[in-house]
N, C-alpha and C. Protein backbone atom coordinates (compact mmCIF):
# COMPACT_ATOMS: atom_id res chain seq x y z
N UNK A 1 66.11 -127.10 -225.87
CA UNK A 1 65.60 -125.85 -226.39
C UNK A 1 65.46 -124.85 -225.23
N UNK A 2 66.04 -123.65 -225.34
CA UNK A 2 65.93 -122.67 -224.27
C UNK A 2 64.50 -122.13 -224.16
N UNK A 3 64.16 -121.66 -222.96
CA UNK A 3 62.84 -121.08 -222.73
C UNK A 3 62.66 -119.82 -223.57
N UNK A 4 61.45 -119.61 -224.03
CA UNK A 4 61.14 -118.44 -224.85
C UNK A 4 61.03 -117.20 -223.97
N UNK A 5 61.60 -116.10 -224.46
CA UNK A 5 61.46 -114.83 -223.76
C UNK A 5 60.04 -114.34 -223.97
N UNK A 6 59.46 -113.86 -222.91
CA UNK A 6 58.08 -113.38 -222.96
C UNK A 6 58.05 -111.89 -222.69
N UNK A 7 57.42 -111.14 -223.59
CA UNK A 7 57.23 -109.70 -223.39
C UNK A 7 55.87 -109.51 -222.75
N UNK A 8 55.84 -108.76 -221.65
CA UNK A 8 54.63 -108.60 -220.85
C UNK A 8 54.29 -107.14 -220.65
N UNK A 9 53.00 -106.88 -220.54
CA UNK A 9 52.52 -105.57 -220.12
C UNK A 9 51.50 -105.81 -219.01
N UNK A 10 51.84 -105.37 -217.81
CA UNK A 10 51.01 -105.56 -216.63
C UNK A 10 50.33 -104.25 -216.28
N UNK A 11 49.01 -104.30 -216.11
CA UNK A 11 48.24 -103.17 -215.62
C UNK A 11 47.58 -103.60 -214.32
N UNK A 12 47.71 -102.78 -213.30
CA UNK A 12 47.09 -103.06 -212.01
C UNK A 12 46.13 -101.92 -211.70
N UNK A 13 44.90 -102.29 -211.36
CA UNK A 13 43.85 -101.31 -211.11
C UNK A 13 43.38 -101.45 -209.66
N UNK A 14 43.26 -100.34 -208.98
CA UNK A 14 42.79 -100.35 -207.59
C UNK A 14 43.10 -99.06 -206.89
N UNK A 15 42.88 -99.03 -205.60
CA UNK A 15 43.15 -97.84 -204.80
C UNK A 15 44.65 -97.56 -204.74
N UNK A 16 45.02 -96.31 -204.81
CA UNK A 16 46.45 -95.96 -204.81
C UNK A 16 47.13 -96.33 -203.50
N UNK A 17 46.41 -96.39 -202.39
CA UNK A 17 47.02 -96.76 -201.12
C UNK A 17 47.58 -98.18 -201.18
N UNK A 18 46.95 -99.05 -201.92
CA UNK A 18 47.44 -100.43 -202.05
C UNK A 18 48.76 -100.48 -202.83
N UNK A 19 48.98 -99.55 -203.73
CA UNK A 19 50.21 -99.55 -204.52
C UNK A 19 51.44 -99.27 -203.69
N UNK A 20 51.28 -98.56 -202.57
CA UNK A 20 52.42 -98.28 -201.72
C UNK A 20 53.05 -99.54 -201.16
N UNK A 21 52.28 -100.59 -201.01
CA UNK A 21 52.78 -101.87 -200.49
C UNK A 21 53.05 -102.87 -201.60
N UNK A 22 52.89 -102.48 -202.84
CA UNK A 22 52.93 -103.39 -203.96
C UNK A 22 54.34 -103.50 -204.52
N UNK A 23 55.01 -104.63 -204.27
CA UNK A 23 56.33 -104.90 -204.82
C UNK A 23 56.27 -106.27 -205.47
N UNK A 24 56.46 -106.33 -206.75
CA UNK A 24 56.16 -107.55 -207.49
C UNK A 24 57.30 -108.07 -208.35
N UNK A 25 58.25 -107.24 -208.71
CA UNK A 25 59.21 -107.60 -209.75
C UNK A 25 60.06 -108.83 -209.44
N UNK A 26 60.51 -109.00 -208.20
CA UNK A 26 61.34 -110.16 -207.86
C UNK A 26 60.53 -111.46 -207.93
N UNK A 27 59.36 -111.44 -207.34
CA UNK A 27 58.52 -112.65 -207.32
C UNK A 27 58.06 -113.06 -208.72
N UNK A 28 57.81 -112.08 -209.58
CA UNK A 28 57.36 -112.38 -210.95
C UNK A 28 58.53 -112.70 -211.87
N UNK A 29 59.75 -112.59 -211.35
CA UNK A 29 60.97 -112.83 -212.13
C UNK A 29 61.03 -111.92 -213.36
N UNK A 30 60.65 -110.67 -213.14
CA UNK A 30 60.62 -109.67 -214.21
C UNK A 30 61.99 -109.05 -214.40
N UNK A 31 62.30 -108.72 -215.64
CA UNK A 31 63.53 -108.01 -215.94
C UNK A 31 63.24 -106.96 -217.00
N UNK A 32 64.12 -106.01 -217.13
CA UNK A 32 63.96 -104.90 -218.08
C UNK A 32 62.62 -104.20 -217.86
N UNK A 33 62.37 -103.79 -216.64
CA UNK A 33 61.08 -103.21 -216.24
C UNK A 33 61.03 -101.73 -216.59
N UNK A 34 59.91 -101.34 -217.17
CA UNK A 34 59.69 -99.94 -217.51
C UNK A 34 58.29 -99.54 -217.03
N UNK A 35 58.23 -98.49 -216.23
CA UNK A 35 56.95 -97.96 -215.77
C UNK A 35 56.31 -97.19 -216.91
N UNK A 36 55.10 -97.56 -217.29
CA UNK A 36 54.41 -96.91 -218.40
C UNK A 36 53.31 -95.96 -217.95
N UNK A 37 52.71 -96.27 -216.82
CA UNK A 37 51.57 -95.48 -216.36
C UNK A 37 51.56 -95.46 -214.84
N UNK A 38 51.25 -94.30 -214.30
CA UNK A 38 51.20 -94.15 -212.85
C UNK A 38 50.14 -93.10 -212.54
N UNK A 39 48.95 -93.55 -212.21
CA UNK A 39 47.87 -92.63 -211.89
C UNK A 39 47.26 -93.00 -210.55
N UNK A 40 46.23 -92.30 -210.17
CA UNK A 40 45.61 -92.51 -208.87
C UNK A 40 45.07 -93.93 -208.69
N UNK A 41 44.49 -94.52 -209.73
CA UNK A 41 43.87 -95.84 -209.60
C UNK A 41 44.42 -96.87 -210.59
N UNK A 42 45.48 -96.53 -211.31
CA UNK A 42 45.97 -97.47 -212.33
C UNK A 42 47.46 -97.28 -212.56
N UNK A 43 48.17 -98.41 -212.53
CA UNK A 43 49.60 -98.42 -212.82
C UNK A 43 49.87 -99.44 -213.91
N UNK A 44 50.89 -99.18 -214.72
CA UNK A 44 51.23 -100.11 -215.79
C UNK A 44 52.73 -100.22 -215.98
N UNK A 45 53.18 -101.43 -216.27
CA UNK A 45 54.59 -101.71 -216.51
C UNK A 45 54.75 -102.59 -217.74
N UNK A 46 55.89 -102.45 -218.36
CA UNK A 46 56.30 -103.35 -219.43
C UNK A 46 57.56 -104.04 -218.94
N UNK A 47 57.66 -105.35 -219.18
CA UNK A 47 58.82 -106.10 -218.70
C UNK A 47 58.93 -107.41 -219.48
N UNK A 48 60.01 -108.12 -219.23
CA UNK A 48 60.24 -109.43 -219.86
C UNK A 48 60.42 -110.48 -218.78
N UNK A 49 60.07 -111.71 -219.14
CA UNK A 49 60.34 -112.88 -218.30
C UNK A 49 60.97 -113.95 -219.20
N UNK A 50 61.73 -114.83 -218.59
CA UNK A 50 62.43 -115.87 -219.35
C UNK A 50 61.61 -117.13 -219.58
N UNK A 51 60.61 -117.37 -218.76
CA UNK A 51 59.93 -118.66 -218.85
C UNK A 51 58.42 -118.52 -219.08
N UNK A 52 58.03 -117.63 -219.96
CA UNK A 52 56.62 -117.45 -220.24
C UNK A 52 55.99 -116.41 -219.33
N UNK A 53 54.70 -116.18 -219.48
CA UNK A 53 54.03 -115.18 -218.65
C UNK A 53 53.96 -115.62 -217.20
N UNK A 54 54.03 -114.68 -216.27
CA UNK A 54 54.04 -115.02 -214.83
C UNK A 54 52.63 -115.28 -214.28
N UNK A 55 51.98 -116.29 -214.79
CA UNK A 55 50.59 -116.58 -214.42
C UNK A 55 50.46 -117.06 -212.98
N UNK A 56 51.33 -117.94 -212.54
CA UNK A 56 51.26 -118.43 -211.16
C UNK A 56 51.46 -117.28 -210.19
N UNK A 57 52.37 -116.37 -210.52
CA UNK A 57 52.58 -115.20 -209.67
C UNK A 57 51.32 -114.34 -209.62
N UNK A 58 50.63 -114.17 -210.76
CA UNK A 58 49.42 -113.34 -210.77
C UNK A 58 48.35 -113.88 -209.83
N UNK A 59 48.17 -115.19 -209.82
CA UNK A 59 47.18 -115.80 -208.93
C UNK A 59 47.57 -115.52 -207.47
N UNK A 60 48.83 -115.74 -207.16
CA UNK A 60 49.32 -115.52 -205.79
C UNK A 60 49.20 -114.05 -205.38
N UNK A 61 49.58 -113.14 -206.28
CA UNK A 61 49.52 -111.71 -205.97
C UNK A 61 48.09 -111.23 -205.81
N UNK A 62 47.18 -111.73 -206.65
CA UNK A 62 45.79 -111.29 -206.56
C UNK A 62 45.12 -111.82 -205.29
N UNK A 63 45.64 -112.91 -204.76
CA UNK A 63 45.14 -113.40 -203.48
C UNK A 63 45.67 -112.52 -202.34
N UNK A 64 46.94 -112.12 -202.45
CA UNK A 64 47.57 -111.29 -201.43
C UNK A 64 46.97 -109.88 -201.40
N UNK A 65 46.63 -109.33 -202.57
CA UNK A 65 46.04 -108.00 -202.67
C UNK A 65 44.66 -108.11 -203.31
N UNK A 66 43.63 -108.54 -202.57
CA UNK A 66 42.31 -108.81 -203.15
C UNK A 66 41.59 -107.56 -203.65
N UNK A 67 42.02 -106.38 -203.25
CA UNK A 67 41.36 -105.17 -203.73
C UNK A 67 41.88 -104.72 -205.10
N UNK A 68 42.92 -105.38 -205.60
CA UNK A 68 43.51 -105.00 -206.89
C UNK A 68 43.08 -105.95 -208.00
N UNK A 69 42.99 -105.41 -209.21
CA UNK A 69 42.73 -106.21 -210.41
C UNK A 69 44.01 -106.20 -211.23
N UNK A 70 44.45 -107.37 -211.67
CA UNK A 70 45.67 -107.53 -212.45
C UNK A 70 45.30 -107.90 -213.88
N UNK A 71 45.82 -107.16 -214.85
CA UNK A 71 45.60 -107.46 -216.26
C UNK A 71 46.97 -107.64 -216.91
N UNK A 72 47.14 -108.71 -217.67
CA UNK A 72 48.43 -108.99 -218.29
C UNK A 72 48.23 -109.32 -219.77
N UNK A 73 48.89 -108.54 -220.61
CA UNK A 73 49.02 -108.86 -222.03
C UNK A 73 50.41 -109.42 -222.20
N UNK A 74 50.52 -110.55 -222.89
CA UNK A 74 51.85 -111.14 -223.07
C UNK A 74 52.03 -111.63 -224.50
N UNK A 75 53.30 -111.75 -224.88
CA UNK A 75 53.65 -112.22 -226.21
C UNK A 75 54.91 -113.07 -226.14
N UNK A 76 54.79 -114.29 -226.62
CA UNK A 76 55.93 -115.20 -226.77
C UNK A 76 56.29 -115.17 -228.25
N UNK A 77 57.25 -114.33 -228.62
CA UNK A 77 57.57 -114.12 -230.03
C UNK A 77 58.04 -115.39 -230.72
N UNK A 78 58.93 -116.14 -230.06
CA UNK A 78 59.48 -117.34 -230.68
C UNK A 78 58.40 -118.37 -231.00
N UNK A 79 57.36 -118.42 -230.19
CA UNK A 79 56.28 -119.38 -230.38
C UNK A 79 55.08 -118.77 -231.11
N UNK A 80 55.19 -117.48 -231.43
CA UNK A 80 54.10 -116.75 -232.10
C UNK A 80 52.79 -116.90 -231.33
N UNK A 81 52.87 -116.64 -230.05
CA UNK A 81 51.70 -116.79 -229.18
C UNK A 81 51.48 -115.50 -228.39
N UNK A 82 50.24 -115.03 -228.39
CA UNK A 82 49.85 -113.86 -227.63
C UNK A 82 48.69 -114.24 -226.74
N UNK A 83 48.54 -113.51 -225.65
CA UNK A 83 47.43 -113.78 -224.76
C UNK A 83 47.14 -112.61 -223.85
N UNK A 84 45.99 -112.68 -223.22
CA UNK A 84 45.58 -111.68 -222.25
C UNK A 84 44.87 -112.40 -221.13
N UNK A 85 45.28 -112.12 -219.91
CA UNK A 85 44.66 -112.74 -218.74
C UNK A 85 44.40 -111.67 -217.69
N UNK A 86 43.44 -111.95 -216.84
CA UNK A 86 43.18 -111.08 -215.70
C UNK A 86 43.14 -111.95 -214.45
N UNK A 87 43.42 -111.34 -213.33
CA UNK A 87 43.37 -112.04 -212.05
C UNK A 87 42.78 -111.12 -211.01
N UNK A 88 41.88 -111.69 -210.23
CA UNK A 88 41.29 -110.97 -209.11
C UNK A 88 40.88 -111.99 -208.04
N UNK A 89 41.32 -111.74 -206.83
CA UNK A 89 41.00 -112.61 -205.70
C UNK A 89 41.35 -114.07 -206.00
N UNK A 90 42.54 -114.29 -206.56
CA UNK A 90 43.11 -115.61 -206.85
C UNK A 90 42.40 -116.36 -207.96
N UNK A 91 41.60 -115.67 -208.77
CA UNK A 91 40.94 -116.30 -209.91
C UNK A 91 41.55 -115.73 -211.19
N UNK A 92 42.10 -116.63 -212.01
CA UNK A 92 42.73 -116.26 -213.28
C UNK A 92 41.74 -116.50 -214.40
N UNK A 93 41.56 -115.50 -215.27
CA UNK A 93 40.62 -115.59 -216.39
C UNK A 93 41.34 -115.23 -217.67
N UNK A 94 41.28 -116.11 -218.66
CA UNK A 94 41.85 -115.81 -219.97
C UNK A 94 40.86 -114.97 -220.75
N UNK A 95 41.38 -114.00 -221.46
CA UNK A 95 40.55 -113.10 -222.26
C UNK A 95 40.76 -113.35 -223.72
């Protein structure tokens, strides 16, 4: 059975100076990326992944950028599963 495509919406909250160093798409294995929001303290993207939500990447990224808060809404359509998680300072919390 092939892996389910996951539709994701990532919101990152923090100081805009941190966003200048923020490059995530390759590590998160994101594709079809669309920038939805770009403000002083908040950025948002919509994208897809092939193997479920990029939770391991979120933990790693939140450790690398401890001043940022990561929020992810995801949907696995084939499995009829939705979820929301946040990550800050390498701690992942399901919402």
